[in-house]
Amino acid sequence: MNEKEAKIDALIKRAAEARLEGLDFLAAFGYGVLCREYNGIGPEWVGADIRELVTRHAAIFEPAALIHDMRNYMSDGTEAAFHHANGEFLLNCLKLAKQTYPWWRPRRYAAIAAANAMFDFVEGPGGWKAWLEAHERFVNKQNKDKNQ
C-alpha cells in the first residue's frame, strides 16, 4: 500500500468510526479512483497550495471531504443532488467536530463554526461552480470511455 492509499485507508477508517453518512456510497470505489479524486479540502479551482493549507488546518474534516469529493466526482449536475451532497457534508463535519472535542472544550464550538463556514462555501457560487465542473469532467470521461 503506497502513501496515498494509506491516507485514504485512514480516512475511511475514521469515517467508519464516526459513522458518517455516505460511507456506503464510498465503498463503491476502489483505491485507484479514491486516490485520484480526493484532493483535500477545497475545490480544484482554488489551487493545490490553498487546498493544502485548508486541509492542514481543518484536518478533522478530511473524512467528510473524502465523501464529498466522491459526490462531486459523480455529480449529475442537478441542484437536488448538489444540495444533498452539501447537506451530507455539513452533517458529517458536525459529527466529526462533536466526536473530536467534548462539549466543554471551546475548540468544539470553533470546529462547529468552521463546519458551518465550509458549508456556506460549498453551498455558494464557488461550490456550484465546482459541482458543474465535476459534472462536465464526469460526462467527458464517460464519453471518452464509451468511444474507446
C-alpha atoms as a PDB file:
ATOM      1  CA  MET A   1       0.000   0.000   0.000  1.00  0.00           C
ATOM      2  CA  ASN A   2       1.509   3.331  -1.040  1.00  0.00           C
ATOM      3  CA  GLU A   3       1.358   6.562   0.976  1.00  0.00           C
ATOM      4  CA  LYS A   4      -1.755   7.937  -0.770  1.00  0.00           C
ATOM      5  CA  GLU A   5      -3.614   4.639  -0.344  1.00  0.00           C
ATOM      6  CA  ALA A   6      -2.630   4.527   3.341  1.00  0.00           C
ATOM      7  CA  LYS A   7      -4.016   8.066   3.760  1.00  0.00           C
ATOM      8  CA  ILE A   8      -7.287   7.098   2.051  1.00  0.00           C
ATOM      9  CA  ASP A   9      -7.489   3.949   4.181  1.00  0.00           C
ATOM     10  CA  ALA A  10      -7.059   6.015   7.361  1.00  0.00           C
ATOM     11  CA  LEU A  11      -9.772   8.458   6.240  1.00  0.00           C
ATOM     12  CA  ILE A  12     -12.178   5.598   5.517  1.00  0.00           C
ATOM     13  CA  LYS A  13     -11.490   4.069   8.932  1.00  0.00           C
ATOM     14  CA  ARG A  14     -12.107   7.431  10.599  1.00  0.00           C
ATOM     15  CA  ALA A  15     -15.335   7.863   8.609  1.00  0.00           C
ATOM     16  CA  ALA A  16     -16.473   4.405   9.751  1.00  0.00           C
ATOM     17  CA  GLU A  17     -15.596   5.136  13.396  1.00  0.00           C
ATOM     18  CA  ALA A  18     -17.562   8.393  13.200  1.00  0.00           C
ATOM     19  CA  ARG A  19     -20.444   6.637  11.390  1.00  0.00           C
ATOM     20  CA  LEU A  20     -20.508   9.260   8.698  1.00  0.00           C
ATOM     21  CA  GLU A  21     -23.306   9.465   6.167  1.00  0.00           C
ATOM     22  CA  GLY A  22     -22.314   8.288   2.698  1.00  0.00           C
ATOM     23  CA  LEU A  23     -19.878   5.614   3.846  1.00  0.00           C
ATOM     24  CA  ASP A  24     -21.858   3.019   1.890  1.00  0.00           C
ATOM     25  CA  PHE A  25     -21.562   5.241  -1.202  1.00  0.00           C
ATOM     26  CA  LEU A  26     -17.796   5.489  -0.663  1.00  0.00           C
ATOM     27  CA  ALA A  27     -17.494   1.691  -0.564  1.00  0.00           C
ATOM     28  CA  ALA A  28     -18.374   1.535  -4.264  1.00  0.00           C
ATOM     29  CA  PHE A  29     -14.971   2.966  -5.239  1.00  0.00           C
ATOM     30  CA  GLY A  30     -11.568   1.337  -5.356  1.00  0.00           C
ATOM     31  CA  TYR A  31      -8.363   2.889  -4.073  1.00  0.00           C
ATOM     32  CA  GLY A  32      -7.365   3.988  -7.562  1.00  0.00           C
ATOM     33  CA  VAL A  33     -10.412   6.201  -8.023  1.00  0.00           C
ATOM     34  CA  LEU A  34     -10.359   7.430  -4.413  1.00  0.00           C
ATOM     35  CA  CYS A  35      -6.684   8.358  -4.637  1.00  0.00           C
ATOM     36  CA  ARG A  36      -7.181  10.121  -7.949  1.00  0.00           C
ATOM     37  CA  GLU A  37     -10.286  12.085  -6.981  1.00  0.00           C
ATOM     38  CA  TYR A  38      -9.589  13.072  -3.364  1.00  0.00           C
ATOM     39  CA  ASN A  39      -7.868  16.446  -3.429  1.00  0.00           C
ATOM     40  CA  GLY A  40      -8.100  17.526   0.208  1.00  0.00           C
ATOM     41  CA  ILE A  41     -10.462  20.239   1.378  1.00  0.00           C
ATOM     42  CA  GLY A  42     -11.433  22.702  -1.319  1.00  0.00           C
ATOM     43  CA  PRO A  43     -12.342  22.786  -4.988  1.00  0.00           C
ATOM     44  CA  GLU A  44      -9.838  22.320  -7.806  1.00  0.00           C
ATOM     45  CA  TRP A  45     -10.161  25.934  -8.903  1.00  0.00           C
ATOM     46  CA  VAL A  46      -8.625  27.355  -5.687  1.00  0.00           C
ATOM     47  CA  GLY A  47      -5.329  25.615  -6.429  1.00  0.00           C
ATOM     48  CA  ALA A  48      -3.272  22.968  -4.671  1.00  0.00           C
ATOM     49  CA  ASP A  49      -1.494  25.375  -2.288  1.00  0.00           C
ATOM     50  CA  ILE A  50      -4.747  26.745  -0.857  1.00  0.00           C
ATOM     51  CA  ARG A  51      -6.265  23.248  -0.587  1.00  0.00           C
ATOM     52  CA  GLU A  52      -3.169  22.006   1.213  1.00  0.00           C
ATOM     53  CA  LEU A  53      -3.325  24.891   3.687  1.00  0.00           C
ATOM     54  CA  VAL A  54      -7.053  24.463   4.366  1.00  0.00           C
ATOM     55  CA  THR A  55      -6.689  20.689   4.667  1.00  0.00           C
ATOM     56  CA  ARG A  56      -3.865  21.062   7.173  1.00  0.00           C
ATOM     57  CA  HIS A  57      -5.874  23.474   9.339  1.00  0.00           C
ATOM     58  CA  ALA A  58      -9.163  21.582   9.039  1.00  0.00           C
ATOM     59  CA  ALA A  59      -7.783  18.033   9.111  1.00  0.00           C
ATOM     60  CA  ILE A  60     -10.560  16.725  11.376  1.00  0.00           C
ATOM     61  CA  PHE A  61     -12.960  17.204   8.447  1.00  0.00           C
ATOM     62  CA  GLU A  62     -10.975  15.181   5.906  1.00  0.00           C
ATOM     63  CA  PRO A  63     -13.163  12.049   6.126  1.00  0.00           C
ATOM     64  CA  ALA A  64     -16.206  14.214   5.306  1.00  0.00           C
ATOM     65  CA  ALA A  65     -14.272  15.874   2.477  1.00  0.00           C
ATOM     66  CA  LEU A  66     -13.404  12.468   1.003  1.00  0.00           C
ATOM     67  CA  ILE A  67     -17.093  11.537   0.801  1.00  0.00           C
ATOM     68  CA  HIS A  68     -17.947  14.989  -0.545  1.00  0.00           C
ATOM     69  CA  ASP A  69     -15.225  14.770  -3.196  1.00  0.00           C
ATOM     70  CA  MET A  70     -16.665  11.474  -4.391  1.00  0.00           C
ATOM     71  CA  ARG A  71     -20.160  13.001  -4.509  1.00  0.00           C
ATOM     72  CA  ASN A  72     -18.667  15.736  -6.694  1.00  0.00           C
ATOM     73  CA  TYR A  73     -16.871  13.166  -8.825  1.00  0.00           C
ATOM     74  CA  MET A  74     -20.249  11.519  -9.545  1.00  0.00           C
ATOM     75  CA  SER A  75     -22.012  14.871 -10.000  1.00  0.00           C
ATOM     76  CA  ASP A  76     -25.144  14.674 -12.101  1.00  0.00           C
ATOM     77  CA  GLY A  77     -25.270  18.460 -12.422  1.00  0.00           C
ATOM     78  CA  THR A  78     -28.643  18.777 -10.656  1.00  0.00           C
ATOM     79  CA  GLU A  79     -29.460  21.189  -7.854  1.00  0.00           C
ATOM     80  CA  ALA A  80     -31.131  18.459  -5.777  1.00  0.00           C
ATOM     81  CA  ALA A  81     -28.024  16.254  -5.746  1.00  0.00           C
ATOM     82  CA  PHE A  82     -25.839  19.327  -5.138  1.00  0.00           C
ATOM     83  CA  HIS A  83     -27.828  20.276  -2.028  1.00  0.00           C
ATOM     84  CA  HIS A  84     -27.888  16.663  -0.835  1.00  0.00           C
ATOM     85  CA  ALA A  85     -24.098  16.342  -1.143  1.00  0.00           C
ATOM     86  CA  ASN A  86     -23.565  19.620   0.708  1.00  0.00           C
ATOM     87  CA  GLY A  87     -26.070  18.804   3.451  1.00  0.00           C
ATOM     88  CA  GLU A  88     -24.371  15.447   3.961  1.00  0.00           C
ATOM     89  CA  PHE A  89     -21.015  17.223   4.125  1.00  0.00           C
ATOM     90  CA  LEU A  90     -22.299  19.574   6.847  1.00  0.00           C
ATOM     91  CA  LEU A  91     -23.804  16.748   8.906  1.00  0.00           C
ATOM     92  CA  ASN A  92     -20.576  14.759   8.625  1.00  0.00           C
ATOM     93  CA  CYS A  93     -18.424  17.744   9.605  1.00  0.00           C
ATOM     94  CA  LEU A  94     -20.641  18.405  12.623  1.00  0.00           C
ATOM     95  CA  LYS A  95     -20.374  14.737  13.664  1.00  0.00           C
ATOM     96  CA  LEU A  96     -16.592  14.905  13.399  1.00  0.00           C
ATOM     97  CA  ALA A  97     -16.420  18.156  15.394  1.00  0.00           C
ATOM     98  CA  LYS A  98     -18.596  16.747  18.167  1.00  0.00           C
ATOM     99  CA  GLN A  99     -16.732  13.432  18.293  1.00  0.00           C
ATOM    100  CA  THR A 100     -13.329  15.080  18.288  1.00  0.00           C
ATOM    101  CA  TYR A 101     -13.945  17.603  21.066  1.00  0.00           C
ATOM    102  CA  PRO A 102     -16.042  17.176  24.242  1.00  0.00           C
ATOM    103  CA  TRP A 103     -18.842  19.671  24.920  1.00  0.00           C
ATOM    104  CA  TRP A 104     -16.787  21.641  27.433  1.00  0.00           C
ATOM    105  CA  ARG A 105     -13.869  22.369  25.073  1.00  0.00           C
ATOM    106  CA  PRO A 106     -14.002  25.721  23.235  1.00  0.00           C
ATOM    107  CA  ARG A 107     -12.395  24.009  20.217  1.00  0.00           C
ATOM    108  CA  ARG A 108     -15.641  22.057  19.737  1.00  0.00           C
ATOM    109  CA  TYR A 109     -17.519  25.288  19.076  1.00  0.00           C
ATOM    110  CA  ALA A 110     -14.764  26.645  16.855  1.00  0.00           C
ATOM    111  CA  ALA A 111     -14.931  23.411  14.840  1.00  0.00           C
ATOM    112  CA  ILE A 112     -18.728  23.680  14.601  1.00  0.00           C
ATOM    113  CA  ALA A 113     -18.353  27.262  13.352  1.00  0.00           C
ATOM    114  CA  ALA A 114     -15.737  26.104  10.815  1.00  0.00           C
ATOM    115  CA  ALA A 115     -18.082  23.326   9.629  1.00  0.00           C
ATOM    116  CA  ASN A 116     -20.842  25.861   9.079  1.00  0.00           C
ATOM    117  CA  ALA A 117     -18.470  28.213   7.228  1.00  0.00           C
ATOM    118  CA  MET A 118     -17.334  25.387   4.948  1.00  0.00           C
ATOM    119  CA  PHE A 119     -20.983  24.504   4.301  1.00  0.00           C
ATOM    120  CA  ASP A 120     -21.703  28.123   3.363  1.00  0.00           C
ATOM    121  CA  PHE A 121     -18.810  27.933   0.907  1.00  0.00           C
ATOM    122  CA  VAL A 122     -19.785  24.650  -0.762  1.00  0.00           C
ATOM    123  CA  GLU A 123     -23.428  25.760  -0.946  1.00  0.00           C
ATOM    124  CA  GLY A 124     -22.466  29.080  -2.527  1.00  0.00           C
ATOM    125  CA  PRO A 125     -21.434  30.087  -6.051  1.00  0.00           C
ATOM    126  CA  GLY A 126     -17.950  28.573  -5.674  1.00  0.00           C
ATOM    127  CA  GLY A 127     -19.394  25.219  -4.694  1.00  0.00           C
ATOM    128  CA  TRP A 128     -21.909  25.329  -7.531  1.00  0.00           C
ATOM    129  CA  LYS A 129     -19.091  26.096  -9.975  1.00  0.00           C
ATOM    130  CA  ALA A 130     -17.118  23.091  -8.670  1.00  0.00           C
ATOM    131  CA  TRP A 131     -20.225  20.876  -8.919  1.00  0.00           C
ATOM    132  CA  LEU A 132     -20.857  21.815 -12.549  1.00  0.00           C
ATOM    133  CA  GLU A 133     -17.181  21.436 -13.485  1.00  0.00           C
ATOM    134  CA  ALA A 134     -17.130  17.988 -11.854  1.00  0.00           C
ATOM    135  CA  HIS A 135     -20.232  17.018 -13.816  1.00  0.00           C
ATOM    136  CA  GLU A 136     -18.621  18.147 -17.067  1.00  0.00           C
ATOM    137  CA  ARG A 137     -15.476  16.104 -16.289  1.00  0.00           C
ATOM    138  CA  PHE A 138     -17.607  13.055 -15.442  1.00  0.00           C
ATOM    139  CA  VAL A 139     -19.622  13.293 -18.669  1.00  0.00           C
ATOM    140  CA  ASN A 140     -16.443  13.804 -20.719  1.00  0.00           C
ATOM    141  CA  LYS A 141     -14.855  10.760 -19.062  1.00  0.00           C
ATOM    142  CA  GLN A 142     -17.932   8.631 -19.775  1.00  0.00           C
ATOM    143  CA  ASN A 143     -17.949   9.737 -23.420  1.00  0.00           C
ATOM    144  CA  LYS A 144     -14.239   9.049 -23.745  1.00  0.00           C
ATOM    145  CA  ASP A 145     -14.623   5.582 -22.185  1.00  0.00           C
ATOM    146  CA  LYS A 146     -17.589   4.845 -24.462  1.00  0.00           C
ATOM    147  CA  ASN A 147     -15.585   5.760 -27.586  1.00  0.00           C
ATOM    148  CA  GLN A 148     -12.592   3.586 -26.718  1.00  0.00           C
END
